[in-house]
Amino acid sequence: HAHRFVFLSNTQSGSSSIRKLPDPYS
């Protein structure tokens, strides 16, 4: 809500790797 973003995790498309990056800001 602070950074106003939504990341949608598409299966078998790098989602497990990518969603770790914005964790501290989610």
PDB file of all heavy atoms in Angstrom:
ATOM      1  N   HIS A   1       0.832  -1.197   0.000  1.00  0.00           N
ATOM      2  CA  HIS A   1       0.000   0.000   0.000  1.00  0.00           C
ATOM      3  C   HIS A   1       0.872   1.256   0.000  1.00  0.00           C
ATOM      4  O   HIS A   1       0.500   2.275  -0.582  1.00  0.00           O
ATOM      5  CB  HIS A   1      -0.919  -0.003   1.225  1.00  0.00           C
ATOM      6  CG  HIS A   1      -1.900  -1.131   1.242  1.00  0.00           C
ATOM      7  ND1 HIS A   1      -2.776  -1.364   0.202  1.00  0.00           N
ATOM      8  CD2 HIS A   1      -2.151  -2.091   2.173  1.00  0.00           C
ATOM      9  CE1 HIS A   1      -3.528  -2.423   0.493  1.00  0.00           C
ATOM     10  NE2 HIS A   1      -3.160  -2.878   1.674  1.00  0.00           N
ATOM     11  N   ALA A   2       2.023   1.192   0.639  1.00  0.00           N
ATOM     12  CA  ALA A   2       2.911   2.355   0.703  1.00  0.00           C
ATOM     13  C   ALA A   2       3.536   2.655  -0.660  1.00  0.00           C
ATOM     14  O   ALA A   2       3.593   3.810  -1.091  1.00  0.00           O
ATOM     15  CB  ALA A   2       3.999   2.124   1.744  1.00  0.00           C
ATOM     16  N   HIS A   3       4.006   1.605  -1.336  1.00  0.00           N
ATOM     17  CA  HIS A   3       4.651   1.779  -2.637  1.00  0.00           C
ATOM     18  C   HIS A   3       3.664   1.634  -3.791  1.00  0.00           C
ATOM     19  O   HIS A   3       4.047   1.835  -4.948  1.00  0.00           O
ATOM     20  CB  HIS A   3       5.792   0.778  -2.803  1.00  0.00           C
ATOM     21  CG  HIS A   3       6.984   1.057  -1.936  1.00  0.00           C
ATOM     22  ND1 HIS A   3       8.093   1.727  -2.384  1.00  0.00           N
ATOM     23  CD2 HIS A   3       7.215   0.764  -0.633  1.00  0.00           C
ATOM     24  CE1 HIS A   3       8.976   1.831  -1.408  1.00  0.00           C
ATOM     25  NE2 HIS A   3       8.474   1.254  -0.326  1.00  0.00           N
ATOM     26  N   ARG A   4       2.436   1.268  -3.475  1.00  0.00           N
ATOM     27  CA  ARG A   4       1.350   1.182  -4.457  1.00  0.00           C
ATOM     28  C   ARG A   4       1.682   0.221  -5.598  1.00  0.00           C
ATOM     29  O   ARG A   4       1.585   0.554  -6.780  1.00  0.00           O
ATOM     30  CB  ARG A   4       1.024   2.565  -5.036  1.00  0.00           C
ATOM     31  CG  ARG A   4       0.833   3.667  -4.025  1.00  0.00           C
ATOM     32  CD  ARG A   4      -0.371   3.428  -3.122  1.00  0.00           C
ATOM     33  NE  ARG A   4      -1.653   3.696  -3.773  1.00  0.00           N
ATOM     34  CZ  ARG A   4      -2.827   3.656  -3.135  1.00  0.00           C
ATOM     35  NH1 ARG A   4      -2.864   3.334  -1.845  1.00  0.00           N
ATOM     36  NH2 ARG A   4      -3.930   3.913  -3.772  1.00  0.00           N
ATOM     37  N   PHE A   5       2.075  -0.991  -5.230  1.00  0.00           N
ATOM     38  CA  PHE A   5       2.308  -1.979  -6.271  1.00  0.00           C
ATOM     39  C   PHE A   5       1.645  -3.302  -5.911  1.00  0.00           C
ATOM     40  O   PHE A   5       1.382  -3.607  -4.755  1.00  0.00           O
ATOM     41  CB  PHE A   5       3.802  -2.174  -6.548  1.00  0.00           C
ATOM     42  CG  PHE A   5       4.566  -2.909  -5.469  1.00  0.00           C
ATOM     43  CD1 PHE A   5       4.461  -4.281  -5.293  1.00  0.00           C
ATOM     44  CD2 PHE A   5       5.429  -2.208  -4.632  1.00  0.00           C
ATOM     45  CE1 PHE A   5       5.175  -4.951  -4.317  1.00  0.00           C
ATOM     46  CE2 PHE A   5       6.150  -2.864  -3.634  1.00  0.00           C
ATOM     47  CZ  PHE A   5       6.018  -4.242  -3.479  1.00  0.00           C
ATOM     48  N   VAL A   6       1.390  -4.085  -6.947  1.00  0.00           N
ATOM     49  CA  VAL A   6       0.885  -5.451  -6.820  1.00  0.00           C
ATOM     50  C   VAL A   6       1.715  -6.327  -7.740  1.00  0.00           C
ATOM     51  O   VAL A   6       1.823  -6.054  -8.944  1.00  0.00           O
ATOM     52  CB  VAL A   6      -0.596  -5.554  -7.229  1.00  0.00           C
ATOM     53  CG1 VAL A   6      -1.060  -7.013  -7.177  1.00  0.00           C
ATOM     54  CG2 VAL A   6      -1.479  -4.691  -6.348  1.00  0.00           C
ATOM     55  N   PHE A   7       2.326  -7.357  -7.175  1.00  0.00           N
ATOM     56  CA  PHE A   7       3.021  -8.351  -7.995  1.00  0.00           C
ATOM     57  C   PHE A   7       2.189  -9.617  -8.013  1.00  0.00           C
ATOM     58  O   PHE A   7       1.868 -10.181  -6.970  1.00  0.00           O
ATOM     59  CB  PHE A   7       4.417  -8.659  -7.454  1.00  0.00           C
ATOM     60  CG  PHE A   7       5.048  -9.861  -8.127  1.00  0.00           C
ATOM     61  CD1 PHE A   7       5.293  -9.836  -9.492  1.00  0.00           C
ATOM     62  CD2 PHE A   7       5.360 -11.002  -7.406  1.00  0.00           C
ATOM     63  CE1 PHE A   7       5.848 -10.943 -10.126  1.00  0.00           C
ATOM     64  CE2 PHE A   7       5.916 -12.106  -8.028  1.00  0.00           C
ATOM     65  CZ  PHE A   7       6.168 -12.078  -9.392  1.00  0.00           C
ATOM     66  N   LEU A   8       1.833 -10.071  -9.202  1.00  0.00           N
ATOM     67  CA  LEU A   8       1.054 -11.288  -9.382  1.00  0.00           C
ATOM     68  C   LEU A   8       1.987 -12.411  -9.815  1.00  0.00           C
ATOM     69  O   LEU A   8       2.718 -12.287 -10.806  1.00  0.00           O
ATOM     70  CB  LEU A   8      -0.043 -11.059 -10.424  1.00  0.00           C
ATOM     71  CG  LEU A   8      -1.143 -10.106  -9.949  1.00  0.00           C
ATOM     72  CD1 LEU A   8      -1.726  -9.335 -11.111  1.00  0.00           C
ATOM     73  CD2 LEU A   8      -2.237 -10.881  -9.230  1.00  0.00           C
ATOM     74  N   SER A   9       1.962 -13.513  -9.077  1.00  0.00           N
ATOM     75  CA  SER A   9       2.914 -14.601  -9.276  1.00  0.00           C
ATOM     76  C   SER A   9       2.398 -15.609 -10.295  1.00  0.00           C
ATOM     77  O   SER A   9       1.602 -16.489  -9.965  1.00  0.00           O
ATOM     78  CB  SER A   9       3.182 -15.315  -7.943  1.00  0.00           C
ATOM     79  OG  SER A   9       3.662 -14.415  -6.979  1.00  0.00           O
ATOM     80  N   ASN A  10       2.857 -15.490 -11.513  1.00  0.00           N
ATOM     81  CA  ASN A  10       2.489 -16.420 -12.572  1.00  0.00           C
ATOM     82  C   ASN A  10       3.281 -17.714 -12.401  1.00  0.00           C
ATOM     83  O   ASN A  10       4.501 -17.689 -12.252  1.00  0.00           O
ATOM     84  CB  ASN A  10       2.794 -15.788 -13.938  1.00  0.00           C
ATOM     85  CG  ASN A  10       2.070 -16.469 -15.066  1.00  0.00           C
ATOM     86  OD1 ASN A  10       1.278 -17.392 -14.863  1.00  0.00           O
ATOM     87  ND2 ASN A  10       2.321 -16.010 -16.280  1.00  0.00           N
ATOM     88  N   THR A  11       2.607 -18.844 -12.406  1.00  0.00           N
ATOM     89  CA  THR A  11       3.250 -20.121 -12.102  1.00  0.00           C
ATOM     90  C   THR A  11       4.339 -20.474 -13.108  1.00  0.00           C
ATOM     91  O   THR A  11       4.206 -20.206 -14.298  1.00  0.00           O
ATOM     92  CB  THR A  11       2.226 -21.273 -12.070  1.00  0.00           C
ATOM     93  OG1 THR A  11       1.596 -21.376 -13.351  1.00  0.00           O
ATOM     94  CG2 THR A  11       1.189 -21.042 -11.008  1.00  0.00           C
ATOM     95  N   GLN A  12       5.413 -21.106 -12.604  1.00  0.00           N
ATOM     96  CA  GLN A  12       6.542 -21.534 -13.424  1.00  0.00           C
ATOM     97  C   GLN A  12       7.055 -20.410 -14.331  1.00  0.00           C
ATOM     98  O   GLN A  12       7.492 -20.653 -15.445  1.00  0.00           O
ATOM     99  CB  GLN A  12       6.169 -22.756 -14.276  1.00  0.00           C
ATOM    100  CG  GLN A  12       6.370 -24.099 -13.598  1.00  0.00           C
ATOM    101  CD  GLN A  12       5.154 -24.472 -12.753  1.00  0.00           C
ATOM    102  OE1 GLN A  12       4.020 -24.346 -13.209  1.00  0.00           O
ATOM    103  NE2 GLN A  12       5.388 -24.942 -11.546  1.00  0.00           N
ATOM    104  N   SER A  13       7.012 -19.195 -13.816  1.00  0.00           N
ATOM    105  CA  SER A  13       7.492 -18.047 -14.593  1.00  0.00           C
ATOM    106  C   SER A  13       8.361 -17.134 -13.733  1.00  0.00           C
ATOM    107  O   SER A  13       8.287 -15.908 -13.816  1.00  0.00           O
ATOM    108  CB  SER A  13       6.305 -17.265 -15.161  1.00  0.00           C
ATOM    109  OG  SER A  13       5.534 -18.058 -16.025  1.00  0.00           O
ATOM    110  N   GLY A  14       9.170 -17.751 -12.882  1.00  0.00           N
ATOM    111  CA  GLY A  14      10.093 -17.003 -12.048  1.00  0.00           C
ATOM    112  C   GLY A  14       9.482 -16.380 -10.815  1.00  0.00           C
ATOM    113  O   GLY A  14      10.131 -15.587 -10.137  1.00  0.00           O
ATOM    114  N   SER A  15       8.246 -16.736 -10.497  1.00  0.00           N
ATOM    115  CA  SER A  15       7.542 -16.045  -9.418  1.00  0.00           C
ATOM    116  C   SER A  15       8.171 -16.275  -8.052  1.00  0.00           C
ATOM    117  O   SER A  15       8.211 -15.361  -7.226  1.00  0.00           O
ATOM    118  CB  SER A  15       6.071 -16.461  -9.395  1.00  0.00           C
ATOM    119  OG  SER A  15       5.938 -17.859  -9.194  1.00  0.00           O
ATOM    120  N   SER A  16       8.656 -17.481  -7.789  1.00  0.00           N
ATOM    121  CA  SER A  16       9.251 -17.764  -6.475  1.00  0.00           C
ATOM    122  C   SER A  16      10.488 -16.916  -6.231  1.00  0.00           C
ATOM    123  O   SER A  16      10.750 -16.480  -5.108  1.00  0.00           O
ATOM    124  CB  SER A  16       9.608 -19.252  -6.358  1.00  0.00           C
ATOM    125  OG  SER A  16       8.448 -20.054  -6.414  1.00  0.00           O
ATOM    126  N   SER A  17      11.247 -16.679  -7.288  1.00  0.00           N
ATOM    127  CA  SER A  17      12.446 -15.854  -7.159  1.00  0.00           C
ATOM    128  C   SER A  17      12.096 -14.389  -7.009  1.00  0.00           C
ATOM    129  O   SER A  17      12.632 -13.681  -6.152  1.00  0.00           O
ATOM    130  CB  SER A  17      13.334 -16.044  -8.402  1.00  0.00           C
ATOM    131  OG  SER A  17      13.730 -17.389  -8.552  1.00  0.00           O
ATOM    132  N   ILE A  18      11.182 -13.913  -7.827  1.00  0.00           N
ATOM    133  CA  ILE A  18      10.894 -12.483  -7.886  1.00  0.00           C
ATOM    134  C   ILE A  18      10.203 -11.991  -6.628  1.00  0.00           C
ATOM    135  O   ILE A  18      10.506 -10.899  -6.127  1.00  0.00           O
ATOM    136  CB  ILE A  18      10.045 -12.169  -9.132  1.00  0.00           C
ATOM    137  CG1 ILE A  18      10.847 -12.476 -10.392  1.00  0.00           C
ATOM    138  CG2 ILE A  18       9.599 -10.709  -9.129  1.00  0.00           C
ATOM    139  CD1 ILE A  18      10.029 -12.407 -11.669  1.00  0.00           C
ATOM    140  N   ARG A  19       9.267 -12.766  -6.087  1.00  0.00           N
ATOM    141  CA  ARG A  19       8.480 -12.236  -4.974  1.00  0.00           C
ATOM    142  C   ARG A  19       9.293 -12.067  -3.691  1.00  0.00           C
ATOM    143  O   ARG A  19       8.839 -11.405  -2.761  1.00  0.00           O
ATOM    144  CB  ARG A  19       7.249 -13.103  -4.729  1.00  0.00           C
ATOM    145  CG  ARG A  19       7.491 -14.512  -4.288  1.00  0.00           C
ATOM    146  CD  ARG A  19       6.164 -15.261  -4.246  1.00  0.00           C
ATOM    147  NE  ARG A  19       6.337 -16.645  -3.822  1.00  0.00           N
ATOM    148  CZ  ARG A  19       5.669 -17.661  -4.359  1.00  0.00           C
ATOM    149  NH1 ARG A  19       4.792 -17.457  -5.318  1.00  0.00           N
ATOM    150  NH2 ARG A  19       5.864 -18.896  -3.919  1.00  0.00           N
ATOM    151  N   LYS A  20      10.502 -12.603  -3.645  1.00  0.00           N
ATOM    152  CA  LYS A  20      11.360 -12.390  -2.481  1.00  0.00           C
ATOM    153  C   LYS A  20      11.910 -10.963  -2.440  1.00  0.00           C
ATOM    154  O   LYS A  20      12.172 -10.421  -1.364  1.00  0.00           O
ATOM    155  CB  LYS A  20      12.523 -13.396  -2.491  1.00  0.00           C
ATOM    156  CG  LYS A  20      12.104 -14.830  -2.183  1.00  0.00           C
ATOM    157  CD  LYS A  20      13.309 -15.739  -2.160  1.00  0.00           C
ATOM    158  CE  LYS A  20      12.920 -17.160  -1.783  1.00  0.00           C
ATOM    159  NZ  LYS A  20      12.369 -17.266  -0.422  1.00  0.00           N
ATOM    160  N   LEU A  21      12.083 -10.359  -3.615  1.00  0.00           N
ATOM    161  CA  LEU A  21      12.715  -9.044  -3.677  1.00  0.00           C
ATOM    162  C   LEU A  21      11.873  -7.940  -3.036  1.00  0.00           C
ATOM    163  O   LEU A  21      12.405  -7.106  -2.312  1.00  0.00           O
ATOM    164  CB  LEU A  21      13.052  -8.698  -5.125  1.00  0.00           C
ATOM    165  CG  LEU A  21      14.085  -9.622  -5.786  1.00  0.00           C
ATOM    166  CD1 LEU A  21      14.289  -9.230  -7.238  1.00  0.00           C
ATOM    167  CD2 LEU A  21      15.417  -9.571  -5.044  1.00  0.00           C
ATOM    168  N   PRO A  22      10.565  -7.880  -3.299  1.00  0.00           N
ATOM    169  CA  PRO A  22       9.770  -6.815  -2.670  1.00  0.00           C
ATOM    170  C   PRO A  22       9.254  -7.173  -1.274  1.00  0.00           C
ATOM    171  O   PRO A  22       8.491  -6.397  -0.696  1.00  0.00           O
ATOM    172  CB  PRO A  22       8.607  -6.645  -3.646  1.00  0.00           C
ATOM    173  CG  PRO A  22       8.411  -7.989  -4.237  1.00  0.00           C
ATOM    174  CD  PRO A  22       9.790  -8.586  -4.329  1.00  0.00           C
ATOM    175  N   ASP A  23       9.662  -8.306  -0.723  1.00  0.00           N
ATOM    176  CA  ASP A  23       9.163  -8.733   0.593  1.00  0.00           C
ATOM    177  C   ASP A  23       9.256  -7.645   1.667  1.00  0.00           C
ATOM    178  O   ASP A  23       8.286  -7.390   2.378  1.00  0.00           O
ATOM    179  CB  ASP A  23       9.897  -9.985   1.070  1.00  0.00           C
ATOM    180  CG  ASP A  23       9.191 -11.267   0.655  1.00  0.00           C
ATOM    181  OD1 ASP A  23       8.141 -11.160  -0.007  1.00  0.00           O
ATOM    182  OD2 ASP A  23       9.683 -12.351   0.981  1.00  0.00           O
ATOM    183  N   PRO A  24      10.413  -6.981   1.832  1.00  0.00           N
ATOM    184  CA  PRO A  24      10.518  -5.981   2.913  1.00  0.00           C
ATOM    185  C   PRO A  24       9.599  -4.774   2.728  1.00  0.00           C
ATOM    186  O   PRO A  24       9.394  -4.012   3.666  1.00  0.00           O
ATOM    187  CB  PRO A  24      11.995  -5.559   2.855  1.00  0.00           C
ATOM    188  CG  PRO A  24      12.687  -6.654   2.119  1.00  0.00           C
ATOM    189  CD  PRO A  24      11.696  -7.151   1.133  1.00  0.00           C
ATOM    190  N   TYR A  25       9.066  -4.619   1.511  1.00  0.00           N
ATOM    191  CA  TYR A  25       8.250  -3.440   1.209  1.00  0.00           C
ATOM    192  C   TYR A  25       6.780  -3.798   0.990  1.00  0.00           C
ATOM    193  O   TYR A  25       5.988  -2.967   0.569  1.00  0.00           O
ATOM    194  CB  TYR A  25       8.807  -2.745  -0.036  1.00  0.00           C
ATOM    195  CG  TYR A  25      10.299  -2.561   0.062  1.00  0.00           C
ATOM    196  CD1 TYR A  25      11.170  -3.502  -0.473  1.00  0.00           C
ATOM    197  CD2 TYR A  25      10.840  -1.479   0.740  1.00  0.00           C
ATOM    198  CE1 TYR A  25      12.549  -3.357  -0.347  1.00  0.00           C
ATOM    199  CE2 TYR A  25      12.209  -1.317   0.868  1.00  0.00           C
ATOM    200  CZ  TYR A  25      13.060  -2.266   0.327  1.00  0.00           C
ATOM    201  OH  TYR A  25      14.424  -2.129   0.461  1.00  0.00           O
ATOM    202  N   SER A  26       6.431  -5.063   1.301  1.00  0.00           N
ATOM    203  CA  SER A  26       5.078  -5.549   1.046  1.00  0.00           C
ATOM    204  C   SER A  26       4.258  -5.579   2.327  1.00  0.00           C
ATOM    205  O   SER A  26       4.722  -6.060   3.358  1.00  0.00           O
ATOM    206  CB  SER A  26       5.130  -6.955   0.434  1.00  0.00           C
ATOM    207  OG  SER A  26       5.830  -6.949  -0.794  1.00  0.00           O
TER     208      SER A  26
END
